[in-house]
Amino acid sequence: MTLPLRPSAALRLRRYHILCSQPASAPLITQCAETVPSRRDAHGYPVRPSLSQQRRKTHTRRSVTSTAYGVTNGSSASSDVPPSTVLSCLPLSNLIRSYVITSVSSIPALLRPSLAVMTFLAHTKSPLFDPDRNPILHFLLKKTFYAQFCAGETPLEVKSTIASLKDIGFKGVILGHAKEVVLSKDDEAGLDSAEDCTEQASCNAREITTWKQNTIETVKLAQPDDFVALKFTGAGRQALQHLKATIACSPEFEEAVHDICKHAQSKGVRLLFDAEQAALQQGVDNWTMYFAKEYNKERALVFGTYQCYAQRTPKVLATHLDLAKKENFVLGVKLVRGAYMESDPRELFWPTIEDTHKCYNGIAKSIIERKYGDVLQPVEGGSSDFPQVSLVLATHNAESVKLALRLRDEQAQRGEPLIELAYGQLMGMADHVSCEVVQAARARAKAQDANVEVPSAYKYVVWGKLGECMKYLLRRAQENRDAVTRTIEARQALGRELGSRMAFWR
């Protein structure tokens, strides 16, 4: 009697992933419902069947389409190509680096000293610890944290990074120059007492010119339908003074912004004006609306950023929606949860993270559906009609992305018009969320199903010299510390993908 040969564990795992790689028009993470047990882990990912389950259940072999590795329809996956999973679109070098860095970020014993080092390097005035002057420090940071979160120090490096992201499957990028200002309480007090003088006026002009040149260079690096992120605070001390005092920007600064807007408009690039600390945000909002009224007549060129951890955000956004309706312009909205927990007063935030989630998802739902709700309500005495609006859903929260995808699919099924919407995550973070959107876009575009949305995934990347990026890198480290659960999610997803590739190659 001849016993049948039992396939190896690696081969069984490969078959499982091949079955799970089938494109489907159903919501994300439900693709394997008909071919494997429908159990899910705590994060919504399918749980691999045990060996005993595999023995009891015989799967029918099916041909596959692996968009990530070029396997064509009607053919089997080649023996030297790993099967397609959510993170299979990531190059191996990115996958390993991401796993190492998210592991550091999700283990407090490793994160605390790393955060202390990053804080020191971001604020030190010593030339010895300046990464732009210390070649050893520059090399170590450039190959690790900088490579994870930043696009490059030169235009050539930036173009290479953008090309690699688009090769992965991202629709485009949100590109920004790294220079930013984070004020301490002493800095804020100094702005209140400072006055312009002849020497300061000359310095102001130089700072505005430098900021304008950096921003226009960033616009030139971007491609049509990309976004460019910029901060008013990058324009120097005078801009900070005027933002803090909530007064109009200077004529020189206004001219610089008009030049930036015209360059972006001619290239088909949109501008995202980033949020700032609470002490500056009212001024930022005022300036953003000023330029939005000028340039958002037919399509949103200028986007404002709304931080949903702030209790004031629903009312502020409702005011801007009302203004857009009255002035007949398209309101550009970049929706984030917030990034200034370390520097803003705690009483400005919602009491719990659940309140922040409710605010974010409630606002997102209202904008997508273009109707007010429990969270986002019209201003008193204002119109209940929504203006034209474009949305950048900037979030690392998988549930918020799934909510938006579901709402958009329901609208598509009903034949309703869809607003312009982009999904955005930071480069180096939440790849398990980003790649799900990428994989969904590929499968849906191939299926050509009019009843589902083909989502547009973007990665937010910054560029600039390593020293200029240190405060940005510090904020990314702080964000990982404040979102340990999400970081653990990312590490587990990356670990599953690494385990899958290792099992295949064995």
Protein backbone atom coordinates (compact mmCIF):
# COMPACT_ATOMS: atom_id res chain seq x y z
CA MET A 1 0.00 0.00 0.00
CA THR A 2 1.43 3.36 -0.97
CA LEU A 3 0.70 6.27 1.36
CA PRO A 4 0.12 9.69 -0.25
CA LEU A 5 2.84 12.20 0.38
CA ARG A 6 1.80 14.95 2.80
CA PRO A 7 2.70 18.48 1.58
CA SER A 8 5.19 20.45 3.62
CA ALA A 9 4.03 23.11 6.06
CA ALA A 10 5.46 25.82 3.78
CA LEU A 11 3.52 24.48 0.81
CA ARG A 12 0.29 24.28 2.82
CA LEU A 13 0.82 27.87 3.99
CA ARG A 14 1.50 28.94 0.40
CA ARG A 15 -1.73 27.32 -0.79
CA TYR A 16 -3.66 29.08 1.94
CA HIS A 17 -2.30 32.49 0.95
CA ILE A 18 -2.94 31.82 -2.74
CA LEU A 19 -6.58 31.15 -1.95
CA CYS A 20 -6.75 34.29 0.15
CA SER A 21 -5.28 36.45 -2.63
CA GLN A 22 -8.38 36.23 -4.83
CA PRO A 23 -9.73 39.70 -5.68
CA ALA A 24 -13.23 40.43 -4.44
CA SER A 25 -15.63 43.33 -4.44
CA ALA A 26 -16.60 42.63 -0.82
CA PRO A 27 -15.21 44.87 1.93
CA LEU A 28 -11.54 44.51 2.84
CA ILE A 29 -10.39 41.51 4.88
CA THR A 30 -13.37 39.37 3.80
CA GLN A 31 -11.77 37.91 0.70
CA CYS A 32 -11.16 34.45 2.20
CA ALA A 33 -14.63 33.86 3.64
CA GLU A 34 -15.56 31.12 1.19
CA THR A 35 -12.27 29.24 1.18
CA VAL A 36 -11.08 29.26 4.80
CA PRO A 37 -12.77 29.33 8.22
CA SER A 38 -14.20 32.80 8.90
CA ARG A 39 -12.44 33.26 12.26
CA ARG A 40 -10.74 36.64 12.77
CA ASP A 41 -8.10 37.79 15.24
CA ALA A 42 -8.51 40.87 17.47
CA HIS A 43 -7.54 43.17 14.59
CA GLY A 44 -9.88 41.75 11.96
CA TYR A 45 -7.30 39.66 10.11
CA PRO A 46 -8.19 36.08 9.05
CA VAL A 47 -6.81 33.46 11.45
CA ARG A 48 -4.83 30.80 9.68
CA PRO A 49 -6.41 27.35 10.03
CA SER A 50 -4.63 24.87 12.25
CA LEU A 51 -2.99 21.80 10.75
CA SER A 52 -5.89 19.63 11.94
CA GLN A 53 -8.38 21.97 10.25
CA GLN A 54 -6.35 21.81 7.05
CA ARG A 55 -6.41 18.00 7.16
CA ARG A 56 -10.20 17.98 7.56
CA LYS A 57 -10.91 20.52 4.83
CA THR A 58 -9.97 20.04 1.18
CA HIS A 59 -9.54 23.23 -0.77
CA THR A 60 -10.21 23.40 -4.47
CA ARG A 61 -7.18 24.64 -6.40
CA ARG A 62 -7.92 27.89 -8.23
CA SER A 63 -5.92 30.15 -10.52
CA VAL A 64 -4.95 33.49 -9.02
CA THR A 65 -4.04 37.03 -9.84
CA SER A 66 -1.17 38.36 -7.74
CA THR A 67 -1.06 42.07 -8.45
CA ALA A 68 1.92 42.55 -6.21
CA TYR A 69 4.19 40.06 -7.97
CA GLY A 70 2.97 40.00 -11.56
CA VAL A 71 1.23 36.61 -11.70
CA THR A 72 -1.31 36.84 -14.50
CA ASN A 73 -4.90 35.65 -14.51
CA GLY A 74 -5.34 32.00 -15.34
CA SER A 75 -1.83 30.96 -14.34
CA SER A 76 -0.46 29.45 -11.19
CA ALA A 77 1.96 31.33 -9.00
CA SER A 78 5.51 30.50 -10.01
CA SER A 79 7.59 28.43 -7.62
CA ASP A 80 10.00 31.27 -6.83
CA VAL A 81 7.35 33.93 -6.09
CA PRO A 82 5.82 34.29 -2.63
CA PRO A 83 2.01 34.43 -2.44
CA SER A 84 0.13 37.72 -2.26
CA THR A 85 -0.97 39.07 1.15
CA VAL A 86 -1.94 42.56 2.30
CA LEU A 87 1.69 43.61 2.88
CA SER A 88 3.13 41.63 -0.01
CA CYS A 89 3.51 44.85 -2.03
CA LEU A 90 6.26 46.05 0.34
CA PRO A 91 9.90 45.40 -0.67
CA LEU A 92 11.71 43.11 1.76
CA SER A 93 14.13 45.83 2.90
CA ASN A 94 11.20 48.12 3.82
CA LEU A 95 9.45 45.26 5.56
CA ILE A 96 12.46 44.39 7.75
CA ARG A 97 13.22 48.02 8.64
CA SER A 98 9.56 48.69 9.47
CA TYR A 99 9.38 45.62 11.68
CA VAL A 100 12.51 46.60 13.62
CA ILE A 101 11.40 50.21 14.15
CA THR A 102 7.82 49.35 15.11
CA SER A 103 9.20 46.74 17.50
CA VAL A 104 11.27 49.43 19.20
CA SER A 105 8.23 51.74 19.26
CA SER A 106 5.91 49.16 20.82
CA ILE A 107 8.25 47.96 23.59
CA PRO A 108 8.46 50.58 26.40
CA ALA A 109 11.87 49.39 27.59
CA LEU A 110 13.29 50.17 24.14
CA LEU A 111 11.14 53.17 23.29
CA ARG A 112 11.94 55.28 26.36
CA PRO A 113 15.70 55.51 25.79
CA SER A 114 15.19 55.93 22.03
CA LEU A 115 12.79 58.80 22.66
CA ALA A 116 15.21 60.42 25.08
CA VAL A 117 17.98 60.28 22.47
CA MET A 118 15.71 61.69 19.74
CA THR A 119 14.60 64.54 22.03
CA PHE A 120 18.20 65.43 22.80
CA LEU A 121 19.26 65.36 19.15
CA ALA A 122 16.24 67.43 18.05
CA HIS A 123 17.02 70.26 20.49
CA THR A 124 20.77 70.22 21.08
CA LYS A 125 22.86 73.19 19.93
CA SER A 126 26.13 71.25 20.09
CA PRO A 127 27.93 70.86 16.74
CA LEU A 128 29.17 67.46 17.93
CA PHE A 129 25.61 66.09 17.93
CA ASP A 130 24.45 67.89 14.80
CA PRO A 131 23.66 65.05 12.33
CA ASP A 132 24.54 67.33 9.42
CA ARG A 133 28.08 67.79 10.81
CA ASN A 134 28.75 64.46 12.51
CA PRO A 135 29.26 61.89 9.72
CA ILE A 136 28.90 58.84 12.00
CA LEU A 137 25.65 60.10 13.50
CA HIS A 138 24.45 61.10 10.04
CA PHE A 139 25.10 57.60 8.67
CA LEU A 140 23.33 55.83 11.54
CA LEU A 141 20.24 58.02 11.43
CA LYS A 142 20.08 58.17 7.64
CA LYS A 143 19.95 54.38 7.33
CA THR A 144 17.35 53.87 10.08
CA PHE A 145 14.80 56.45 11.27
CA TYR A 146 15.38 58.89 8.42
CA ALA A 147 15.02 56.19 5.77
CA GLN A 148 11.82 55.00 7.45
CA PHE A 149 10.00 58.32 7.60
CA CYS A 150 11.67 60.75 5.15
CA ALA A 151 11.97 60.92 1.38
CA GLY A 152 15.51 62.21 0.96
CA GLU A 153 17.94 65.09 1.37
CA THR A 154 18.24 65.94 -2.32
CA PRO A 155 15.74 66.21 -5.20
CA LEU A 156 17.26 63.07 -6.76
CA GLU A 157 16.67 61.05 -3.57
CA VAL A 158 13.14 62.43 -3.25
CA LYS A 159 12.23 61.49 -6.83
CA SER A 160 13.56 57.98 -6.25
CA THR A 161 11.43 57.59 -3.10
CA ILE A 162 8.30 58.88 -4.85
CA ALA A 163 8.87 56.49 -7.76
CA SER A 164 9.25 53.53 -5.37
CA LEU A 165 6.00 54.41 -3.56
CA LYS A 166 4.11 54.64 -6.84
CA ASP A 167 5.61 51.32 -7.93
CA ILE A 168 4.14 49.78 -4.78
CA GLY A 169 0.73 51.01 -5.90
CA PHE A 170 0.11 54.35 -4.22
CA LYS A 171 -1.84 56.87 -6.28
CA GLY A 172 0.55 59.61 -5.22
CA VAL A 173 2.28 61.34 -2.34
CA ILE A 174 1.72 64.17 0.09
CA LEU A 175 5.11 65.85 0.01
CA GLY A 176 6.38 68.43 2.45
CA HIS A 177 9.61 70.18 3.38
CA ALA A 178 10.71 69.18 6.86
CA LYS A 179 11.45 72.55 8.44
CA GLU A 180 8.98 73.29 11.23
CA VAL A 181 8.71 75.19 14.50
CA VAL A 182 7.44 73.81 17.82
CA LEU A 183 7.09 76.57 20.42
CA SER A 184 7.78 76.24 24.13
CA LYS A 185 5.90 78.45 26.61
CA ASP A 186 8.94 80.74 26.77
CA ASP A 187 8.93 80.99 22.97
CA GLU A 188 5.25 82.00 23.01
CA ALA A 189 5.92 84.71 25.60
CA GLY A 190 8.84 85.98 23.53
CA LEU A 191 6.60 86.35 20.48
CA ASP A 192 4.17 88.51 22.44
CA SER A 193 6.87 90.94 23.44
CA ALA A 194 8.87 90.98 20.21
CA GLU A 195 8.68 93.88 17.79
CA ASP A 196 10.02 94.26 14.30
CA CYS A 197 13.02 96.51 13.78
CA THR A 198 15.16 97.37 10.77
CA GLU A 199 17.45 94.36 11.29
CA GLN A 200 14.49 92.10 12.01
CA ALA A 201 12.68 93.27 8.86
CA SER A 202 15.67 92.21 6.76
CA CYS A 203 15.74 88.86 8.53
CA ASN A 204 11.98 88.45 7.95
CA ALA A 205 12.43 88.99 4.22
CA ARG A 206 15.19 86.36 4.07
CA GLU A 207 13.12 83.81 6.00
CA ILE A 208 10.06 84.32 3.81
CA THR A 209 12.17 84.03 0.65
CA THR A 210 13.82 80.82 1.88
CA TRP A 211 10.45 79.30 2.84
CA LYS A 212 8.95 80.25 -0.52
CA GLN A 213 11.89 78.76 -2.45
CA ASN A 214 11.76 75.50 -0.45
CA THR A 215 8.00 75.20 -0.99
CA ILE A 216 8.15 75.92 -4.73
CA GLU A 217 10.99 73.39 -5.02
CA THR A 218 8.69 70.89 -3.28
CA VAL A 219 5.89 71.68 -5.75
CA LYS A 220 8.33 71.06 -8.60
CA LEU A 221 9.21 67.64 -7.14
CA ALA A 222 5.54 66.67 -6.93
CA GLN A 223 3.54 65.32 -9.87
CA PRO A 224 -0.01 66.14 -11.06
CA ASP A 225 -2.65 65.03 -8.53
CA ASP A 226 -0.05 64.87 -5.74
CA PHE A 227 -0.35 67.06 -2.67
CA VAL A 228 2.22 69.39 -1.13
CA ALA A 229 2.03 69.94 2.62
CA LEU A 230 3.29 73.22 4.01
CA LYS A 231 3.39 75.07 7.30
CA PHE A 232 2.93 78.80 7.66
CA THR A 233 5.34 78.67 10.62
CA GLY A 234 8.16 77.63 8.31
CA ALA A 235 8.23 81.24 7.03
CA GLY A 236 9.96 82.51 10.15
CA ARG A 237 9.55 84.75 13.16
CA GLN A 238 7.28 87.39 11.62
CA ALA A 239 4.78 84.75 10.49
CA LEU A 240 4.81 83.30 14.01
CA GLN A 241 4.17 86.73 15.51
CA HIS A 242 1.26 87.46 13.20
CA LEU A 243 -0.28 84.01 13.64
CA LYS A 244 -0.05 84.30 17.42
CA ALA A 245 -1.71 87.74 17.29
CA THR A 246 -4.33 86.48 14.77
CA ILE A 247 -3.69 89.40 12.44
CA ALA A 248 -3.39 89.49 8.66
CA CYS A 249 -0.18 88.24 7.10
CA SER A 250 2.36 90.75 5.83
CA PRO A 251 2.24 91.88 2.16
CA GLU A 252 5.57 90.11 1.51
CA PHE A 253 4.25 86.86 2.96
CA GLU A 254 0.95 87.10 1.08
CA GLU A 255 2.80 87.61 -2.20
CA ALA A 256 4.91 84.52 -1.44
CA VAL A 257 1.81 82.38 -0.84
CA HIS A 258 0.19 83.64 -4.05
CA ASP A 259 3.31 82.61 -5.99
CA ILE A 260 3.20 79.15 -4.37
CA CYS A 261 -0.50 78.74 -5.17
CA LYS A 262 -0.01 79.75 -8.80
CA HIS A 263 2.88 77.31 -9.25
CA ALA A 264 0.79 74.50 -7.72
CA GLN A 265 -2.25 75.41 -9.80
CA SER A 266 -0.28 75.33 -13.05
CA LYS A 267 1.10 71.89 -12.23
CA GLY A 268 -2.13 70.31 -10.97
CA VAL A 269 -0.77 69.89 -7.42
CA ARG A 270 -2.95 70.52 -4.35
CA LEU A 271 -1.74 72.34 -1.20
CA LEU A 272 -2.35 71.07 2.34
CA PHE A 273 -1.82 73.77 4.96
CA ASP A 274 -0.91 71.83 8.08
CA ALA A 275 -2.38 72.37 11.51
CA GLU A 276 -0.24 73.96 14.21
CA GLN A 277 -0.22 74.27 17.98
CA ALA A 278 -3.34 75.67 19.62
CA ALA A 279 -1.64 79.02 20.26
CA LEU A 280 -1.29 79.51 16.49
CA GLN A 281 -4.23 77.58 15.07
CA GLN A 282 -6.78 80.40 14.90
CA GLY A 283 -4.36 82.46 12.84
CA VAL A 284 -3.66 79.46 10.60
CA ASP A 285 -7.40 78.94 10.05
CA ASN A 286 -7.91 82.60 9.15
CA TRP A 287 -5.08 82.63 6.62
CA THR A 288 -6.12 79.29 5.09
CA MET A 289 -9.69 80.49 4.49
CA TYR A 290 -8.36 83.72 2.98
CA PHE A 291 -6.45 81.82 0.30
CA ALA A 292 -9.14 79.14 -0.12
CA LYS A 293 -11.69 81.78 -1.14
CA GLU A 294 -9.25 82.94 -3.82
CA TYR A 295 -8.17 79.60 -5.30
CA ASN A 296 -10.94 77.03 -4.62
CA LYS A 297 -13.56 78.28 -7.07
CA GLU A 298 -13.88 75.13 -9.21
CA ARG A 299 -11.70 72.57 -7.44
CA ALA A 300 -10.04 72.57 -4.03
CA LEU A 301 -6.45 73.74 -4.40
CA VAL A 302 -6.04 74.89 -0.79
CA PHE A 303 -6.88 72.46 2.03
CA GLY A 304 -7.09 73.27 5.72
CA THR A 305 -6.24 70.72 8.42
CA TYR A 306 -8.71 69.87 11.20
CA GLN A 307 -7.51 68.09 14.35
CA CYS A 308 -10.30 65.97 15.80
CA TYR A 309 -8.79 65.59 19.27
CA ALA A 310 -9.64 69.27 19.84
CA GLN A 311 -13.12 69.89 21.21
CA ARG A 312 -13.48 73.07 19.16
CA THR A 313 -12.99 71.34 15.79
CA PRO A 314 -16.64 70.52 14.90
CA LYS A 315 -17.69 74.15 15.41
CA VAL A 316 -14.67 75.51 13.53
CA LEU A 317 -15.33 73.19 10.59
CA ALA A 318 -19.03 74.06 10.59
CA THR A 319 -18.10 77.75 10.40
CA HIS A 320 -15.81 77.08 7.42
CA LEU A 321 -18.49 75.00 5.68
CA ASP A 322 -20.96 77.83 6.12
CA LEU A 323 -18.42 80.31 4.73
CA ALA A 324 -17.77 78.07 1.71
CA LYS A 325 -21.50 77.85 1.04
CA LYS A 326 -21.98 81.62 1.26
CA GLU A 327 -18.86 82.51 -0.74
CA ASN A 328 -19.40 79.71 -3.28
CA PHE A 329 -16.02 77.96 -3.09
CA VAL A 330 -14.97 74.32 -2.59
CA LEU A 331 -13.83 73.61 0.95
CA GLY A 332 -10.69 71.45 1.11
CA VAL A 333 -10.56 69.40 4.32
CA LYS A 334 -7.64 67.36 5.60
CA LEU A 335 -8.96 65.41 8.59
CA VAL A 336 -6.50 64.22 11.26
CA ARG A 337 -6.77 63.15 14.87
CA GLY A 338 -3.98 65.49 16.02
CA ALA A 339 -0.25 65.67 16.62
CA TYR A 340 0.43 68.20 19.41
CA MET A 341 -0.42 66.23 22.55
CA GLU A 342 2.97 67.12 23.99
CA SER A 343 2.75 70.89 23.57
CA ASP A 344 -0.95 71.85 23.77
CA PRO A 345 -2.95 72.24 27.02
CA ARG A 346 -4.71 69.00 27.93
CA GLU A 347 -8.03 70.71 28.64
CA LEU A 348 -8.41 71.54 24.94
CA PHE A 349 -8.75 67.86 24.03
CA TRP A 350 -11.63 65.45 24.32
CA PRO A 351 -11.58 63.61 27.68
CA THR A 352 -11.08 60.15 26.16
CA ILE A 353 -9.68 58.58 23.01
CA GLU A 354 -13.18 57.18 22.36
CA ASP A 355 -14.48 60.76 22.19
CA THR A 356 -11.77 61.57 19.64
CA HIS A 357 -12.70 58.51 17.55
CA LYS A 358 -16.37 59.54 17.68
CA CYS A 359 -15.49 63.07 16.57
CA TYR A 360 -13.26 61.86 13.72
CA ASN A 361 -15.66 59.26 12.35
CA GLY A 362 -18.70 61.52 12.79
CA ILE A 363 -17.08 64.35 10.85
CA ALA A 364 -15.79 61.98 8.16
CA LYS A 365 -19.27 60.49 7.70
CA SER A 366 -20.88 63.94 7.40
CA ILE A 367 -18.36 65.13 4.81
CA ILE A 368 -18.55 61.94 2.73
CA GLU A 369 -22.35 62.05 2.73
CA ARG A 370 -22.46 65.86 2.52
CA LYS A 371 -24.96 66.23 5.31
CA TYR A 372 -24.77 67.35 8.91
CA GLY A 373 -25.14 64.88 11.79
CA ASP A 374 -24.80 64.48 15.55
CA VAL A 375 -21.13 65.48 15.64
CA LEU A 376 -20.91 68.04 12.85
CA GLN A 377 -23.86 70.39 13.13
CA PRO A 378 -24.62 73.55 11.10
CA VAL A 379 -23.81 76.92 12.64
CA GLU A 380 -26.68 78.62 14.40
CA GLY A 381 -28.79 80.43 11.82
CA GLY A 382 -26.75 79.01 8.96
CA SER A 383 -27.80 76.89 6.01
CA SER A 384 -28.23 73.15 6.46
CA ASP A 385 -27.08 72.63 2.87
CA PHE A 386 -23.54 71.38 2.38
CA PRO A 387 -21.10 73.19 0.08
CA GLN A 388 -18.87 71.42 -2.42
CA VAL A 389 -16.09 69.71 -0.46
CA SER A 390 -12.94 67.63 -1.05
CA LEU A 391 -11.53 65.39 1.68
CA VAL A 392 -8.13 63.99 2.58
CA LEU A 393 -8.81 61.28 5.15
CA ALA A 394 -5.47 61.25 6.95
CA THR A 395 -5.63 58.45 9.49
CA HIS A 396 -3.77 55.39 10.73
CA ASN A 397 -6.97 53.97 12.22
CA ALA A 398 -8.14 50.94 10.24
CA GLU A 399 -11.74 51.29 11.44
CA SER A 400 -11.99 54.85 10.10
CA VAL A 401 -10.72 53.70 6.71
CA LYS A 402 -13.17 50.78 6.61
CA LEU A 403 -16.02 53.12 7.53
CA ALA A 404 -15.16 55.44 4.65
CA LEU A 405 -14.80 52.55 2.18
CA ARG A 406 -18.18 51.15 3.23
CA LEU A 407 -19.93 54.51 2.96
CA ARG A 408 -18.43 55.13 -0.47
CA ASP A 409 -19.44 51.68 -1.72
CA GLU A 410 -23.01 52.25 -0.51
CA GLN A 411 -23.08 55.57 -2.36
CA ALA A 412 -21.72 53.94 -5.51
CA GLN A 413 -24.34 51.20 -5.33
CA ARG A 414 -27.06 53.84 -5.09
CA GLY A 415 -25.58 55.75 -8.01
CA GLU A 416 -24.89 58.85 -5.92
CA PRO A 417 -22.15 61.32 -6.87
CA LEU A 418 -18.96 60.92 -4.84
CA ILE A 419 -16.86 63.73 -3.40
CA GLU A 420 -13.14 63.85 -4.16
CA LEU A 421 -11.46 61.76 -1.45
CA ALA A 422 -7.90 60.61 -0.80
CA TYR A 423 -6.71 58.22 1.91
CA GLY A 424 -3.39 59.25 3.48
CA GLN A 425 -0.94 57.73 5.94
CA LEU A 426 2.55 58.76 6.96
CA MET A 427 5.43 57.04 5.23
CA GLY A 428 6.91 54.46 7.57
CA MET A 429 3.73 54.06 9.62
CA ALA A 430 0.46 52.10 9.32
CA ASP A 431 1.58 50.16 6.25
CA HIS A 432 -0.96 47.45 7.10
CA VAL A 433 -3.67 50.11 6.64
CA SER A 434 -2.13 51.75 3.56
CA CYS A 435 -1.46 48.48 1.74
CA GLU A 436 -5.02 47.29 2.28
CA VAL A 437 -6.22 50.38 0.42
CA VAL A 438 -3.60 49.79 -2.30
CA GLN A 439 -4.59 46.14 -2.72
CA ALA A 440 -8.29 47.03 -2.74
CA ALA A 441 -7.70 49.67 -5.41
CA ARG A 442 -5.86 47.19 -7.62
CA ALA A 443 -8.49 44.46 -7.26
CA ARG A 444 -11.38 46.85 -7.81
CA ALA A 445 -9.81 48.56 -10.81
CA LYS A 446 -9.25 45.16 -12.40
CA ALA A 447 -12.81 44.04 -11.65
CA GLN A 448 -14.22 47.25 -13.17
CA ASP A 449 -17.24 47.08 -10.88
CA ALA A 450 -19.23 50.32 -10.98
CA ASN A 451 -20.83 49.50 -7.61
CA VAL A 452 -17.64 49.95 -5.60
CA GLU A 453 -15.17 52.79 -5.23
CA VAL A 454 -11.59 52.51 -6.47
CA PRO A 455 -9.87 54.23 -3.53
CA SER A 456 -6.88 56.55 -3.89
CA ALA A 457 -4.05 55.82 -1.43
CA TYR A 458 -1.35 58.40 -0.67
CA LYS A 459 1.74 58.43 1.53
CA TYR A 460 2.79 61.55 3.42
CA VAL A 461 6.55 62.07 3.09
CA VAL A 462 8.86 64.90 4.06
CA TRP A 463 12.22 65.84 2.65
CA GLY A 464 15.13 67.98 3.76
CA LYS A 465 18.51 67.74 5.42
CA LEU A 466 18.70 65.30 8.28
CA GLY A 467 19.10 68.09 10.83
CA GLU A 468 15.98 69.83 9.50
CA CYS A 469 14.01 66.59 9.90
CA MET A 470 14.89 65.92 13.55
CA LYS A 471 11.82 67.65 15.03
CA TYR A 472 9.62 65.82 12.54
CA LEU A 473 11.23 62.50 13.47
CA LEU A 474 10.76 63.30 17.15
CA ARG A 475 7.04 63.87 16.62
CA ARG A 476 6.77 60.50 14.85
CA ALA A 477 8.46 58.81 17.83
CA GLN A 478 6.12 60.60 20.26
CA GLU A 479 3.13 59.60 18.18
CA ASN A 480 4.16 55.95 18.33
CA ARG A 481 4.52 56.22 22.09
CA ASP A 482 1.02 57.74 22.42
CA ALA A 483 -0.52 55.03 20.20
CA VAL A 484 1.09 51.86 21.53
CA THR A 485 -1.92 49.68 20.66
CA ARG A 486 -1.87 50.81 17.06
CA THR A 487 1.90 50.33 16.88
CA ILE A 488 1.56 46.80 18.22
CA GLU A 489 -1.06 46.16 15.53
CA ALA A 490 1.40 47.31 12.88
CA ARG A 491 4.21 45.19 14.32
CA GLN A 492 2.00 42.10 14.38
CA ALA A 493 0.90 42.63 10.77
CA LEU A 494 4.51 43.11 9.67
CA GLY A 495 5.52 40.03 11.65
CA ARG A 496 2.86 37.94 9.96
CA GLU A 497 4.12 39.02 6.54
CA LEU A 498 7.74 38.29 7.47
CA GLY A 499 6.71 34.90 8.82
CA SER A 500 4.83 34.16 5.63
CA ARG A 501 7.84 34.98 3.45
CA MET A 502 10.21 32.99 5.66
CA ALA A 503 7.88 29.98 5.56
CA PHE A 504 7.69 30.20 1.78
CA TRP A 505 11.45 30.36 1.29
CA ARG A 506 12.14 27.43 3.63
